[in-house]
């Protein structure tokens, strides 16, 4: 197997994030269309799980000295994906 360069690794991360973004948005759309109440419950649990993990990373410093900054950056990215999937305006979601 070929060894990936740093640029290759960045492409892997970027493409992985994009594919997960697309999959989450597609899943949310299908769930909301089929069973809106179930979708709200399922997607709410998923959002809470992300929040819990990011909180734990901050509290325990699991990513080293930059744990808080890393968790915030990850939270912002995932939050934007979730807002898009739910059809929420990111600015109004931040105000809530």
N, C-alpha and C. Protein backbone atom coordinates (compact mmCIF):
# COMPACT_ATOMS: atom_id res chain seq x y z
N UNK A 1 0.84 -1.17 0.00
CA UNK A 1 0.00 0.00 0.00
C UNK A 1 0.89 1.24 0.00
N UNK A 2 0.48 2.24 -0.72
CA UNK A 2 1.23 3.48 -0.87
C UNK A 2 1.15 4.30 0.42
N UNK A 3 2.25 4.90 0.80
CA UNK A 3 2.28 5.79 1.96
C UNK A 3 1.72 7.14 1.52
N UNK A 4 0.79 7.66 2.31
CA UNK A 4 0.16 8.93 1.97
C UNK A 4 0.99 10.10 2.47
N UNK A 5 1.06 11.12 1.66
CA UNK A 5 1.74 12.35 2.05
C UNK A 5 0.83 13.14 2.99
N UNK A 6 1.35 14.20 3.55
CA UNK A 6 0.53 15.06 4.41
C UNK A 6 -0.63 15.65 3.61
N UNK A 7 -0.37 16.05 2.38
CA UNK A 7 -1.44 16.58 1.52
C UNK A 7 -2.49 15.51 1.24
N UNK A 8 -2.03 14.27 1.04
CA UNK A 8 -2.97 13.17 0.83
C UNK A 8 -3.83 12.95 2.06
N UNK A 9 -3.21 13.00 3.24
CA UNK A 9 -3.95 12.81 4.50
C UNK A 9 -4.99 13.92 4.67
N UNK A 10 -4.64 15.15 4.29
CA UNK A 10 -5.60 16.24 4.37
C UNK A 10 -6.76 16.01 3.41
N UNK A 11 -6.47 15.48 2.23
CA UNK A 11 -7.53 15.16 1.27
C UNK A 11 -8.44 14.08 1.83
N UNK A 12 -7.86 13.09 2.49
CA UNK A 12 -8.65 12.02 3.12
C UNK A 12 -9.60 12.62 4.15
N UNK A 13 -9.08 13.49 5.00
CA UNK A 13 -9.91 14.13 6.03
C UNK A 13 -11.01 14.97 5.41
N UNK A 14 -10.67 15.77 4.41
CA UNK A 14 -11.64 16.64 3.75
C UNK A 14 -12.75 15.83 3.08
N UNK A 15 -12.36 14.78 2.35
CA UNK A 15 -13.35 13.96 1.66
C UNK A 15 -14.20 13.16 2.64
N UNK A 16 -13.59 12.68 3.70
CA UNK A 16 -14.34 11.95 4.72
C UNK A 16 -15.40 12.86 5.34
N UNK A 17 -15.00 14.07 5.70
CA UNK A 17 -15.95 15.02 6.29
C UNK A 17 -17.08 15.32 5.31
N UNK A 18 -16.75 15.52 4.04
CA UNK A 18 -17.79 15.82 3.05
C UNK A 18 -18.76 14.66 2.88
N UNK A 19 -18.24 13.45 2.83
CA UNK A 19 -19.11 12.28 2.68
C UNK A 19 -20.01 12.09 3.90
N UNK A 20 -19.45 12.29 5.09
CA UNK A 20 -20.27 12.20 6.30
C UNK A 20 -21.31 13.30 6.35
N UNK A 21 -20.94 14.49 5.92
CA UNK A 21 -21.88 15.61 5.83
C UNK A 21 -23.04 15.22 4.92
N UNK A 22 -22.74 14.75 3.74
CA UNK A 22 -23.78 14.37 2.79
C UNK A 22 -24.67 13.25 3.33
N UNK A 23 -24.05 12.25 3.95
CA UNK A 23 -24.81 11.12 4.48
C UNK A 23 -25.74 11.57 5.60
N UNK A 24 -25.24 12.41 6.51
CA UNK A 24 -26.06 12.89 7.62
C UNK A 24 -27.24 13.71 7.10
N UNK A 25 -26.97 14.59 6.15
CA UNK A 25 -28.05 15.41 5.59
C UNK A 25 -29.09 14.55 4.88
N UNK A 26 -28.64 13.56 4.12
CA UNK A 26 -29.57 12.65 3.44
C UNK A 26 -30.40 11.86 4.44
N UNK A 27 -29.75 11.35 5.46
CA UNK A 27 -30.46 10.59 6.50
C UNK A 27 -31.49 11.45 7.20
N UNK A 28 -31.09 12.66 7.56
CA UNK A 28 -32.02 13.56 8.25
C UNK A 28 -33.22 13.88 7.37
N UNK A 29 -32.99 14.10 6.09
CA UNK A 29 -34.09 14.42 5.17
C UNK A 29 -35.06 13.25 5.04
N UNK A 30 -34.53 12.05 4.92
CA UNK A 30 -35.39 10.86 4.80
C UNK A 30 -36.19 10.65 6.08
N UNK A 31 -35.52 10.76 7.22
CA UNK A 31 -36.21 10.57 8.50
C UNK A 31 -37.29 11.63 8.71
N UNK A 32 -36.95 12.88 8.43
CA UNK A 32 -37.94 13.95 8.62
C UNK A 32 -39.13 13.76 7.70
N UNK A 33 -38.88 13.27 6.49
CA UNK A 33 -39.98 13.05 5.55
C UNK A 33 -40.86 11.89 5.94
N UNK A 34 -40.27 10.84 6.48
CA UNK A 34 -41.03 9.63 6.82
C UNK A 34 -41.69 9.72 8.19
N UNK A 35 -40.95 10.15 9.17
CA UNK A 35 -41.44 10.18 10.55
C UNK A 35 -40.85 11.39 11.27
N UNK A 36 -41.47 12.55 11.14
CA UNK A 36 -40.89 13.76 11.73
C UNK A 36 -40.61 13.67 13.24
N UNK A 37 -41.53 13.08 13.99
CA UNK A 37 -41.32 13.00 15.44
C UNK A 37 -40.18 12.05 15.77
N UNK A 38 -40.13 10.92 15.09
CA UNK A 38 -39.03 9.97 15.31
C UNK A 38 -37.71 10.60 14.89
N UNK A 39 -37.72 11.33 13.80
CA UNK A 39 -36.50 11.99 13.32
C UNK A 39 -36.00 12.97 14.38
N UNK A 40 -36.89 13.76 14.94
CA UNK A 40 -36.48 14.73 15.96
C UNK A 40 -35.84 14.02 17.15
N UNK A 41 -36.43 12.90 17.56
CA UNK A 41 -35.88 12.16 18.69
C UNK A 41 -34.52 11.55 18.36
N UNK A 42 -34.43 10.88 17.23
CA UNK A 42 -33.17 10.22 16.84
C UNK A 42 -32.06 11.25 16.64
N UNK A 43 -32.35 12.29 15.90
CA UNK A 43 -31.33 13.29 15.61
C UNK A 43 -30.94 14.06 16.88
N UNK A 44 -31.91 14.24 17.78
CA UNK A 44 -31.60 14.87 19.06
C UNK A 44 -30.63 14.04 19.88
N UNK A 45 -30.81 12.72 19.87
CA UNK A 45 -29.90 11.82 20.58
C UNK A 45 -28.50 11.90 19.97
N UNK A 46 -28.44 11.95 18.64
CA UNK A 46 -27.15 12.04 17.96
C UNK A 46 -26.43 13.34 18.33
N UNK A 47 -27.17 14.43 18.36
CA UNK A 47 -26.58 15.72 18.73
C UNK A 47 -26.10 15.70 20.18
N UNK A 48 -26.88 15.10 21.06
CA UNK A 48 -26.47 15.02 22.47
C UNK A 48 -25.21 14.19 22.62
N UNK A 49 -25.09 13.12 21.86
CA UNK A 49 -23.90 12.27 21.93
C UNK A 49 -22.65 13.08 21.53
N UNK A 50 -22.77 13.86 20.48
CA UNK A 50 -21.64 14.70 20.05
C UNK A 50 -21.29 15.70 21.15
N UNK A 51 -22.30 16.33 21.72
CA UNK A 51 -22.07 17.29 22.80
C UNK A 51 -21.37 16.63 23.98
N UNK A 52 -21.82 15.44 24.34
CA UNK A 52 -21.22 14.72 25.47
C UNK A 52 -19.75 14.39 25.21
N UNK A 53 -19.45 13.91 24.01
CA UNK A 53 -18.07 13.54 23.67
C UNK A 53 -17.17 14.78 23.69
N UNK A 54 -17.65 15.86 23.08
CA UNK A 54 -16.84 17.08 23.05
C UNK A 54 -16.63 17.65 24.46
N UNK A 55 -17.64 17.56 25.29
CA UNK A 55 -17.50 18.01 26.68
C UNK A 55 -16.45 17.17 27.42
N UNK A 56 -16.49 15.87 27.20
CA UNK A 56 -15.52 14.98 27.84
C UNK A 56 -14.10 15.28 27.36
N UNK A 57 -13.94 15.57 26.07
CA UNK A 57 -12.62 15.92 25.53
C UNK A 57 -12.09 17.16 26.24
N UNK A 58 -12.96 18.15 26.43
CA UNK A 58 -12.55 19.38 27.12
C UNK A 58 -12.19 19.10 28.58
N UNK A 59 -13.06 18.42 29.29
CA UNK A 59 -12.87 18.19 30.72
C UNK A 59 -11.65 17.33 31.02
N UNK A 60 -11.41 16.32 30.19
CA UNK A 60 -10.32 15.39 30.46
C UNK A 60 -9.05 15.70 29.68
N UNK A 61 -9.10 16.71 28.82
CA UNK A 61 -7.91 17.06 28.04
C UNK A 61 -7.44 15.94 27.14
N UNK A 62 -8.38 15.20 26.58
CA UNK A 62 -8.04 14.00 25.82
C UNK A 62 -7.22 14.26 24.56
N UNK A 63 -7.23 15.48 24.07
CA UNK A 63 -6.46 15.81 22.87
C UNK A 63 -5.25 16.68 23.19
N UNK A 64 -4.83 16.64 24.44
CA UNK A 64 -3.65 17.40 24.82
C UNK A 64 -3.97 18.83 25.21
N UNK A 65 -2.95 19.69 25.21
CA UNK A 65 -3.12 21.07 25.67
C UNK A 65 -4.15 21.87 24.86
N UNK A 66 -4.35 21.51 23.63
CA UNK A 66 -5.30 22.24 22.77
C UNK A 66 -6.68 21.59 22.76
N UNK A 67 -6.98 20.75 23.74
CA UNK A 67 -8.24 20.01 23.75
C UNK A 67 -9.46 20.91 23.62
N UNK A 68 -9.50 22.01 24.35
CA UNK A 68 -10.67 22.89 24.31
C UNK A 68 -10.82 23.50 22.92
N UNK A 69 -9.73 24.02 22.38
CA UNK A 69 -9.79 24.62 21.04
C UNK A 69 -10.18 23.59 19.99
N UNK A 70 -9.65 22.39 20.11
CA UNK A 70 -9.98 21.33 19.16
C UNK A 70 -11.46 20.98 19.27
N UNK A 71 -11.96 20.80 20.48
CA UNK A 71 -13.37 20.45 20.68
C UNK A 71 -14.29 21.54 20.15
N UNK A 72 -13.92 22.80 20.37
CA UNK A 72 -14.73 23.90 19.86
C UNK A 72 -14.76 23.88 18.34
N UNK A 73 -13.60 23.69 17.71
CA UNK A 73 -13.54 23.66 16.24
C UNK A 73 -14.35 22.50 15.68
N UNK A 74 -14.24 21.34 16.31
CA UNK A 74 -15.01 20.18 15.87
C UNK A 74 -16.50 20.45 16.05
N UNK A 75 -16.86 21.01 17.21
CA UNK A 75 -18.26 21.33 17.48
C UNK A 75 -18.83 22.31 16.46
N UNK A 76 -18.04 23.30 16.07
CA UNK A 76 -18.52 24.26 15.08
C UNK A 76 -18.76 23.58 13.73
N UNK A 77 -17.85 22.71 13.34
CA UNK A 77 -18.02 22.01 12.06
C UNK A 77 -19.22 21.07 12.08
N UNK A 78 -19.30 20.28 13.13
CA UNK A 78 -20.42 19.34 13.22
C UNK A 78 -21.73 20.10 13.39
N UNK A 79 -21.72 21.17 14.15
CA UNK A 79 -22.92 21.99 14.34
C UNK A 79 -23.42 22.53 13.02
N UNK A 80 -22.51 22.98 12.17
CA UNK A 80 -22.91 23.50 10.85
C UNK A 80 -23.54 22.40 10.01
N UNK A 81 -23.00 21.20 10.08
CA UNK A 81 -23.57 20.07 9.34
C UNK A 81 -24.97 19.77 9.87
N UNK A 82 -25.12 19.72 11.18
CA UNK A 82 -26.42 19.41 11.77
C UNK A 82 -27.43 20.51 11.46
N UNK A 83 -27.00 21.76 11.51
CA UNK A 83 -27.91 22.86 11.16
C UNK A 83 -28.39 22.72 9.72
N UNK A 84 -27.46 22.42 8.82
CA UNK A 84 -27.82 22.24 7.42
C UNK A 84 -28.80 21.08 7.26
N UNK A 85 -28.52 19.97 7.93
CA UNK A 85 -29.37 18.79 7.82
C UNK A 85 -30.78 19.04 8.34
N UNK A 86 -30.90 19.89 9.34
CA UNK A 86 -32.20 20.19 9.94
C UNK A 86 -32.88 21.39 9.30
N UNK A 87 -32.20 22.01 8.33
CA UNK A 87 -32.77 23.18 7.68
C UNK A 87 -32.79 24.40 8.57
N UNK A 88 -31.90 24.41 9.58
CA UNK A 88 -31.83 25.54 10.49
C UNK A 88 -30.84 26.56 9.96
N UNK A 89 -31.13 27.79 10.20
CA UNK A 89 -30.21 28.88 9.89
C UNK A 89 -29.17 28.90 11.00
N UNK A 90 -27.90 28.78 10.67
CA UNK A 90 -26.84 28.70 11.69
C UNK A 90 -26.86 29.92 12.61
N UNK A 91 -27.16 31.09 12.08
CA UNK A 91 -27.18 32.29 12.93
C UNK A 91 -28.30 32.23 13.95
N UNK A 92 -29.48 31.76 13.55
CA UNK A 92 -30.58 31.67 14.51
C UNK A 92 -30.35 30.54 15.51
N UNK A 93 -29.64 29.49 15.07
CA UNK A 93 -29.33 28.39 15.99
C UNK A 93 -28.35 28.85 17.06
N UNK A 94 -27.40 29.71 16.70
CA UNK A 94 -26.47 30.22 17.69
C UNK A 94 -27.17 31.10 18.71
N UNK A 95 -28.18 31.82 18.29
CA UNK A 95 -28.90 32.71 19.19
C UNK A 95 -29.78 31.95 20.16
N UNK A 96 -30.16 30.74 19.81
CA UNK A 96 -31.06 29.94 20.65
C UNK A 96 -30.38 29.40 21.89
